[in-house]
Amino acid sequence: MDYKRVIVDSWRSTQKSKSLIVWFGFLPALFTTTVGILYMAYQFFAFKKSYLFEDAEDSFFHDVVLFIWDFVKANVSLTLPLVIFVVIFAVLYFLLPTIARASAIQAIARRKNGQNAGAGTGLRHGIMSFLPLFEYHLLIKTFAFFSVLFEMSFVLRNLGPVIFEMFLPVFILFLIISFILTLLFTYTDFFIVIDDFGIFKSMQKSAKLVIMNWKHTVLITILMIIIGIRVIIQAILVLLVPSLIVLITGYITTIALPATSVIIGGIFGIIALLVAAYLNGIVDIFSYTVWTYTFLELSSEKEISARDVLIDDIGEKSHDYHGHKNLEN
């Protein structure tokens, strides 16, 4: 496998896939980036108010609940619209990224095989794979790398360093298991979306494909690094957006009215969110393309059985290193 060609072809295809970037990259990234910003902000202030830094009387979670309750009491007329908005946002957050992933994989695979497939074609076929793909992601979410990290932060923040040290070997074991499962199930999504296999069969075939193609460990490592770079970029952007809002709002407050500073800070925050979501969308489509091209190439190779007889270029059976024909004893 030509690793450089896969990467270059994937990037060229991504540059030509503006519709995929907008619909299957940027749009779901709006929701995932927004939730990521809120979650990272919550983690920051939760640690800030924990015993590790301030040892405040009330936790940050208590402050959030109290703020929401006070806001609801002061704005009863806005309660129903806000609840409807939150429900719609939550539904789209849980469903849209999976639909976009399945649709993007369908469109990319069909384009790779010479079909004229755009965003509409990808969505039409990808939505058929949504349910098993969604169930699979729910199944492995507990063992996801960042899920383990968040669980570690929860234990450290709420139960203390002594309990954290007691559970540290368990967390390390879970991190190792998470890495192994992530590696073995690299191609599960693609068996589900492209080949329409069931969840457990796709997991089995993915593990077999990874193991049987052990010579391509270097390629898998490169792809894992690409995913790592994507996560790092997302993490930086997630931290950048609230930082810009806080800095800009704080600066403008010193020279203007508070209301003006909030409006200007909100505008800058929205712009930063849109830019972050678009960049994440580009990286996501590029990542999907690399993995799809790799899957199509590896899965198309015929597996050689122990009973298969290899024929050399001149039509004779292969010989062993002594020059004799290989015979069964």
Protein backbone atom coordinates (compact mmCIF):
# COMPACT_ATOMS: atom_id res chain seq x y z
CA MET A 1 0.00 0.00 0.00
CA ASP A 2 1.29 3.43 -0.97
CA TYR A 3 0.67 5.40 2.23
CA LYS A 4 1.67 8.75 0.74
CA ARG A 5 -0.72 8.27 -2.17
CA VAL A 6 -3.62 7.52 0.18
CA ILE A 7 -2.98 10.69 2.17
CA VAL A 8 -2.49 12.88 -0.91
CA ASP A 9 -5.54 11.48 -2.72
CA SER A 10 -7.63 11.92 0.42
CA TRP A 11 -6.63 15.56 0.77
CA ARG A 12 -7.30 16.27 -2.91
CA SER A 13 -10.70 14.64 -2.64
CA THR A 14 -11.47 16.65 0.50
CA GLN A 15 -10.64 19.92 -1.27
CA LYS A 16 -13.15 19.03 -3.99
CA SER A 17 -15.86 17.98 -1.54
CA LYS A 18 -17.27 21.36 -0.53
CA SER A 19 -20.80 20.02 -0.18
CA LEU A 20 -19.63 17.20 2.08
CA ILE A 21 -17.66 19.66 4.21
CA VAL A 22 -20.69 21.92 4.65
CA TRP A 23 -23.39 19.31 5.26
CA PHE A 24 -21.48 16.42 6.84
CA GLY A 25 -18.59 18.33 8.40
CA PHE A 26 -19.50 21.90 9.33
CA LEU A 27 -23.15 21.35 10.28
CA PRO A 28 -22.61 18.53 12.82
CA ALA A 29 -19.45 20.26 14.05
CA LEU A 30 -21.60 23.24 15.09
CA PHE A 31 -23.33 21.03 17.63
CA THR A 32 -20.31 18.99 18.75
CA THR A 33 -18.11 22.10 19.06
CA THR A 34 -20.77 23.97 21.04
CA VAL A 35 -21.23 21.06 23.44
CA GLY A 36 -17.45 20.67 23.65
CA ILE A 37 -17.09 24.34 24.60
CA LEU A 38 -19.76 24.07 27.28
CA TYR A 39 -18.29 20.84 28.65
CA MET A 40 -14.72 22.16 28.74
CA ALA A 41 -15.91 25.38 30.39
CA TYR A 42 -17.78 23.30 32.97
CA GLN A 43 -14.69 21.16 33.65
CA PHE A 44 -12.54 24.29 34.06
CA PHE A 45 -14.80 26.04 36.55
CA ALA A 46 -15.60 22.77 38.34
CA PHE A 47 -11.88 22.21 38.95
CA LYS A 48 -11.45 25.88 39.85
CA LYS A 49 -14.07 25.63 42.62
CA SER A 50 -12.91 22.22 43.85
CA TYR A 51 -10.68 21.62 46.87
CA LEU A 52 -7.70 21.47 44.51
CA PHE A 53 -7.79 25.25 44.00
CA GLU A 54 -10.42 27.17 45.97
CA ASP A 55 -12.20 24.58 48.13
CA ALA A 56 -15.41 26.60 47.77
CA GLU A 57 -18.39 25.85 49.98
CA ASP A 58 -20.67 25.08 47.02
CA SER A 59 -19.69 23.18 43.90
CA PHE A 60 -19.88 24.68 40.44
CA PHE A 61 -22.66 22.23 39.58
CA HIS A 62 -24.68 23.70 42.46
CA ASP A 63 -24.07 27.20 41.08
CA VAL A 64 -25.23 26.15 37.61
CA VAL A 65 -28.44 24.57 38.92
CA LEU A 66 -29.13 27.63 41.09
CA PHE A 67 -28.54 29.99 38.16
CA ILE A 68 -30.93 28.02 35.93
CA TRP A 69 -33.58 27.97 38.66
CA ASP A 70 -33.29 31.73 39.28
CA PHE A 71 -33.44 32.42 35.55
CA VAL A 72 -36.58 30.29 35.15
CA LYS A 73 -38.31 32.06 38.07
CA ALA A 74 -37.42 35.48 36.66
CA ASN A 75 -38.37 34.61 33.06
CA VAL A 76 -41.33 32.26 33.24
CA SER A 77 -42.58 33.26 29.79
CA LEU A 78 -39.29 32.11 28.21
CA THR A 79 -39.28 28.72 29.91
CA LEU A 80 -41.28 26.79 27.31
CA PRO A 81 -39.41 28.18 24.25
CA LEU A 82 -36.08 27.48 25.95
CA VAL A 83 -37.11 23.93 26.85
CA ILE A 84 -38.20 23.31 23.25
CA PHE A 85 -34.90 24.75 21.98
CA VAL A 86 -32.83 22.60 24.36
CA VAL A 87 -34.76 19.44 23.39
CA ILE A 88 -34.32 20.11 19.65
CA PHE A 89 -30.63 20.92 20.17
CA ALA A 90 -30.10 17.74 22.20
CA VAL A 91 -31.84 15.55 19.61
CA LEU A 92 -29.75 17.02 16.79
CA TYR A 93 -26.57 16.69 18.84
CA PHE A 94 -27.14 12.98 19.46
CA LEU A 95 -28.40 12.09 15.96
CA LEU A 96 -26.83 14.45 13.42
CA PRO A 97 -23.12 13.54 13.84
CA THR A 98 -23.84 9.82 13.31
CA ILE A 99 -26.04 10.50 10.27
CA ALA A 100 -23.39 12.82 8.85
CA ARG A 101 -20.65 10.24 9.41
CA ALA A 102 -22.60 7.46 7.67
CA SER A 103 -23.59 9.76 4.80
CA ALA A 104 -20.05 11.05 4.31
CA ILE A 105 -18.62 7.51 4.22
CA GLN A 106 -21.23 6.46 1.66
CA ALA A 107 -20.53 9.45 -0.59
CA ILE A 108 -16.75 9.10 -0.32
CA ALA A 109 -16.80 5.35 -1.03
CA ARG A 110 -19.09 5.75 -4.04
CA ARG A 111 -16.94 8.55 -5.46
CA LYS A 112 -13.85 6.42 -4.98
CA ASN A 113 -15.52 3.66 -7.00
CA GLY A 114 -16.39 6.02 -9.86
CA GLN A 115 -20.01 6.77 -8.97
CA ASN A 116 -21.43 10.26 -9.25
CA ALA A 117 -22.31 10.65 -5.57
CA GLY A 118 -22.94 13.96 -3.85
CA ALA A 119 -24.30 14.97 -0.47
CA GLY A 120 -27.84 13.91 -1.43
CA THR A 121 -26.78 10.43 -2.53
CA GLY A 122 -24.66 10.02 0.57
CA LEU A 123 -27.54 11.05 2.82
CA ARG A 124 -30.03 8.78 1.07
CA HIS A 125 -27.86 5.70 1.54
CA GLY A 126 -26.16 6.74 4.77
CA ILE A 127 -29.37 7.23 6.69
CA MET A 128 -30.13 3.53 6.18
CA SER A 129 -27.04 2.72 8.27
CA PHE A 130 -27.82 5.24 11.00
CA LEU A 131 -29.46 2.95 13.55
CA PRO A 132 -26.79 0.18 13.71
CA LEU A 133 -24.02 2.80 13.62
CA PHE A 134 -25.68 4.75 16.44
CA GLU A 135 -26.08 1.58 18.51
CA TYR A 136 -22.44 0.65 17.92
CA HIS A 137 -21.20 4.06 19.08
CA LEU A 138 -23.35 3.80 22.21
CA LEU A 139 -21.89 0.34 22.84
CA ILE A 140 -18.25 1.41 22.76
CA LYS A 141 -18.69 4.88 24.23
CA THR A 142 -17.95 3.62 27.75
CA PHE A 143 -14.49 2.51 26.64
CA ALA A 144 -13.74 5.64 24.63
CA PHE A 145 -10.43 7.27 25.50
CA PHE A 146 -11.89 10.64 26.49
CA SER A 147 -14.69 9.00 28.45
CA VAL A 148 -12.05 7.39 30.66
CA LEU A 149 -10.25 10.73 31.05
CA PHE A 150 -13.46 12.48 32.10
CA GLU A 151 -14.17 9.71 34.61
CA MET A 152 -10.68 10.18 36.00
CA SER A 153 -11.25 13.93 36.38
CA PHE A 154 -14.55 13.29 38.16
CA VAL A 155 -12.93 10.96 40.69
CA LEU A 156 -10.02 13.33 41.29
CA ARG A 157 -12.27 16.38 41.70
CA ASN A 158 -14.92 14.82 43.92
CA LEU A 159 -13.35 11.90 45.78
CA GLY A 160 -9.86 13.20 46.38
CA PRO A 161 -6.31 12.16 45.47
CA VAL A 162 -6.25 9.15 47.82
CA ILE A 163 -9.24 7.49 46.16
CA PHE A 164 -7.89 8.57 42.78
CA GLU A 165 -4.59 6.79 43.44
CA MET A 166 -6.50 3.67 44.48
CA PHE A 167 -8.41 3.64 41.18
CA LEU A 168 -5.43 4.72 39.05
CA PRO A 169 -4.40 1.14 38.06
CA VAL A 170 -8.00 0.50 37.00
CA PHE A 171 -8.02 3.68 34.92
CA ILE A 172 -4.71 2.76 33.30
CA LEU A 173 -6.09 -0.68 32.47
CA PHE A 174 -9.16 0.92 30.94
CA LEU A 175 -6.97 3.25 28.87
CA ILE A 176 -5.00 0.27 27.54
CA ILE A 177 -8.22 -1.59 26.76
CA SER A 178 -9.58 1.55 25.08
CA PHE A 179 -6.51 1.76 22.84
CA ILE A 180 -6.67 -1.92 21.90
CA LEU A 181 -10.39 -1.82 21.13
CA THR A 182 -10.00 1.39 19.14
CA LEU A 183 -7.29 -0.28 17.07
CA LEU A 184 -9.17 -3.56 16.55
CA PHE A 185 -12.47 -1.89 15.70
CA THR A 186 -10.94 0.66 13.36
CA TYR A 187 -13.01 -0.49 10.39
CA THR A 188 -16.27 -1.36 12.14
CA ASP A 189 -18.01 1.81 10.94
CA PHE A 190 -17.13 1.00 7.36
CA PHE A 191 -18.32 -2.60 7.47
CA ILE A 192 -21.62 -1.29 8.88
CA VAL A 193 -22.05 1.58 6.41
CA ILE A 194 -20.50 0.23 3.21
CA ASP A 195 -21.09 -3.53 3.49
CA ASP A 196 -24.31 -3.35 5.53
CA PHE A 197 -23.16 -5.91 8.09
CA GLY A 198 -24.54 -6.17 11.61
CA ILE A 199 -22.80 -4.62 14.60
CA PHE A 200 -21.07 -7.68 16.06
CA LYS A 201 -20.19 -9.13 12.67
CA SER A 202 -18.68 -5.79 11.68
CA MET A 203 -16.65 -5.71 14.89
CA GLN A 204 -15.44 -9.26 14.24
CA LYS A 205 -14.50 -8.55 10.62
CA SER A 206 -12.77 -5.30 11.60
CA ALA A 207 -10.63 -7.07 14.19
CA LYS A 208 -9.75 -9.77 11.65
CA LEU A 209 -8.90 -7.19 8.98
CA VAL A 210 -6.59 -5.35 11.37
CA ILE A 211 -4.86 -8.56 12.52
CA MET A 212 -4.49 -10.06 9.03
CA ASN A 213 -2.98 -6.82 7.72
CA TRP A 214 -0.33 -6.54 10.43
CA LYS A 215 2.21 -5.34 7.84
CA HIS A 216 0.17 -2.14 7.56
CA THR A 217 0.63 -1.30 11.24
CA VAL A 218 2.64 1.72 10.16
CA LEU A 219 -0.30 2.98 8.13
CA ILE A 220 -2.70 2.36 11.02
CA THR A 221 -0.32 4.27 13.30
CA ILE A 222 -0.24 7.18 10.85
CA LEU A 223 -4.02 7.21 10.69
CA MET A 224 -4.22 7.16 14.48
CA ILE A 225 -1.86 10.12 14.56
CA ILE A 226 -4.13 11.92 12.10
CA ILE A 227 -7.08 11.30 14.38
CA GLY A 228 -4.98 12.50 17.32
CA ILE A 229 -4.12 15.70 15.46
CA ARG A 230 -7.82 16.18 14.73
CA VAL A 231 -8.66 15.81 18.42
CA ILE A 232 -5.87 18.21 19.42
CA ILE A 233 -7.10 20.80 16.92
CA GLN A 234 -10.63 20.43 18.21
CA ALA A 235 -9.46 20.75 21.81
CA ILE A 236 -7.50 23.92 21.02
CA LEU A 237 -10.44 25.41 19.17
CA VAL A 238 -12.82 24.41 21.94
CA LEU A 239 -10.64 26.23 24.47
CA LEU A 240 -10.03 29.18 22.15
CA VAL A 241 -13.68 30.15 21.69
CA PRO A 242 -14.60 30.73 25.37
CA SER A 243 -11.20 32.37 25.94
CA LEU A 244 -11.87 34.89 23.18
CA ILE A 245 -15.32 35.62 24.57
CA VAL A 246 -14.03 36.16 28.11
CA LEU A 247 -11.05 38.30 27.05
CA ILE A 248 -12.99 40.47 24.63
CA THR A 249 -15.92 40.92 26.99
CA GLY A 250 -13.63 41.72 29.91
CA TYR A 251 -11.67 44.29 27.92
CA ILE A 252 -14.74 46.03 26.50
CA THR A 253 -16.35 46.16 29.95
CA THR A 254 -13.51 48.38 31.12
CA ILE A 255 -14.11 50.93 28.36
CA ALA A 256 -17.84 50.64 27.58
CA LEU A 257 -21.21 49.75 29.06
CA PRO A 258 -21.70 46.14 30.24
CA ALA A 259 -24.55 45.57 27.76
CA THR A 260 -22.38 46.72 24.87
CA SER A 261 -19.54 44.47 25.96
CA VAL A 262 -21.85 41.46 26.15
CA ILE A 263 -23.21 42.10 22.64
CA ILE A 264 -19.76 42.58 21.11
CA GLY A 265 -18.37 39.58 23.00
CA GLY A 266 -21.31 37.48 21.80
CA ILE A 267 -20.69 38.51 18.17
CA PHE A 268 -17.02 37.60 18.38
CA GLY A 269 -17.94 34.34 20.10
CA ILE A 270 -20.36 33.37 17.32
CA ILE A 271 -17.77 34.19 14.65
CA ALA A 272 -15.14 32.13 16.47
CA LEU A 273 -17.61 29.25 16.83
CA LEU A 274 -18.40 29.27 13.10
CA VAL A 275 -14.72 29.33 12.16
CA ALA A 276 -13.92 26.52 14.62
CA ALA A 277 -16.82 24.41 13.34
CA TYR A 278 -15.77 24.88 9.71
CA LEU A 279 -12.15 23.92 10.41
CA ASN A 280 -13.35 20.88 12.36
CA GLY A 281 -15.61 19.99 9.43
CA ILE A 282 -12.68 20.02 7.02
CA VAL A 283 -10.57 17.82 9.30
CA ASP A 284 -13.49 15.42 9.84
CA ILE A 285 -14.13 14.92 6.11
CA PHE A 286 -10.40 14.47 5.50
CA SER A 287 -10.26 11.86 8.28
CA TYR A 288 -13.30 10.02 6.88
CA THR A 289 -11.70 10.02 3.42
CA VAL A 290 -8.38 8.59 4.63
CA TRP A 291 -10.09 5.81 6.57
CA THR A 292 -12.52 5.02 3.75
CA TYR A 293 -9.77 4.77 1.12
CA THR A 294 -7.72 2.56 3.43
CA PHE A 295 -10.69 0.30 4.18
CA LEU A 296 -11.60 -0.12 0.51
CA GLU A 297 -8.03 -1.02 -0.41
CA LEU A 298 -7.40 -3.45 2.44
CA SER A 299 -10.80 -5.16 2.27
CA SER A 300 -10.52 -5.69 -1.49
CA GLU A 301 -7.36 -7.76 -1.14
CA LYS A 302 -8.02 -11.49 -1.38
CA GLU A 303 -7.08 -13.46 1.69
CA ILE A 304 -4.71 -16.33 0.92
CA SER A 305 -5.63 -19.65 2.52
CA ALA A 306 -3.10 -22.21 3.70
CA ARG A 307 -4.46 -24.50 0.93
CA ASP A 308 -3.85 -21.94 -1.82
CA VAL A 309 -0.94 -22.76 -4.16
CA LEU A 310 1.02 -19.76 -5.33
CA ILE A 311 2.03 -19.68 -8.98
CA ASP A 312 5.13 -17.78 -10.03
CA ASP A 313 5.53 -15.65 -13.13
CA ILE A 314 6.37 -18.61 -15.36
CA GLY A 315 3.40 -20.67 -14.26
CA GLU A 316 5.22 -23.08 -11.93
CA LYS A 317 4.52 -23.79 -8.29
CA SER A 318 6.73 -21.90 -5.89
CA HIS A 319 9.80 -23.73 -4.54
CA ASP A 320 11.33 -23.73 -1.12
CA TYR A 321 14.77 -22.31 -0.42
CA HIS A 322 16.48 -25.65 -1.32
CA GLY A 323 15.07 -25.47 -4.83
CA HIS A 324 12.66 -28.35 -4.29
CA LYS A 325 8.91 -28.18 -4.77
CA ASN A 326 6.96 -27.70 -1.58
CA LEU A 327 5.33 -31.06 -0.72
CA GLU A 328 3.30 -32.15 2.26
CA ASN A 329 5.10 -34.64 4.50
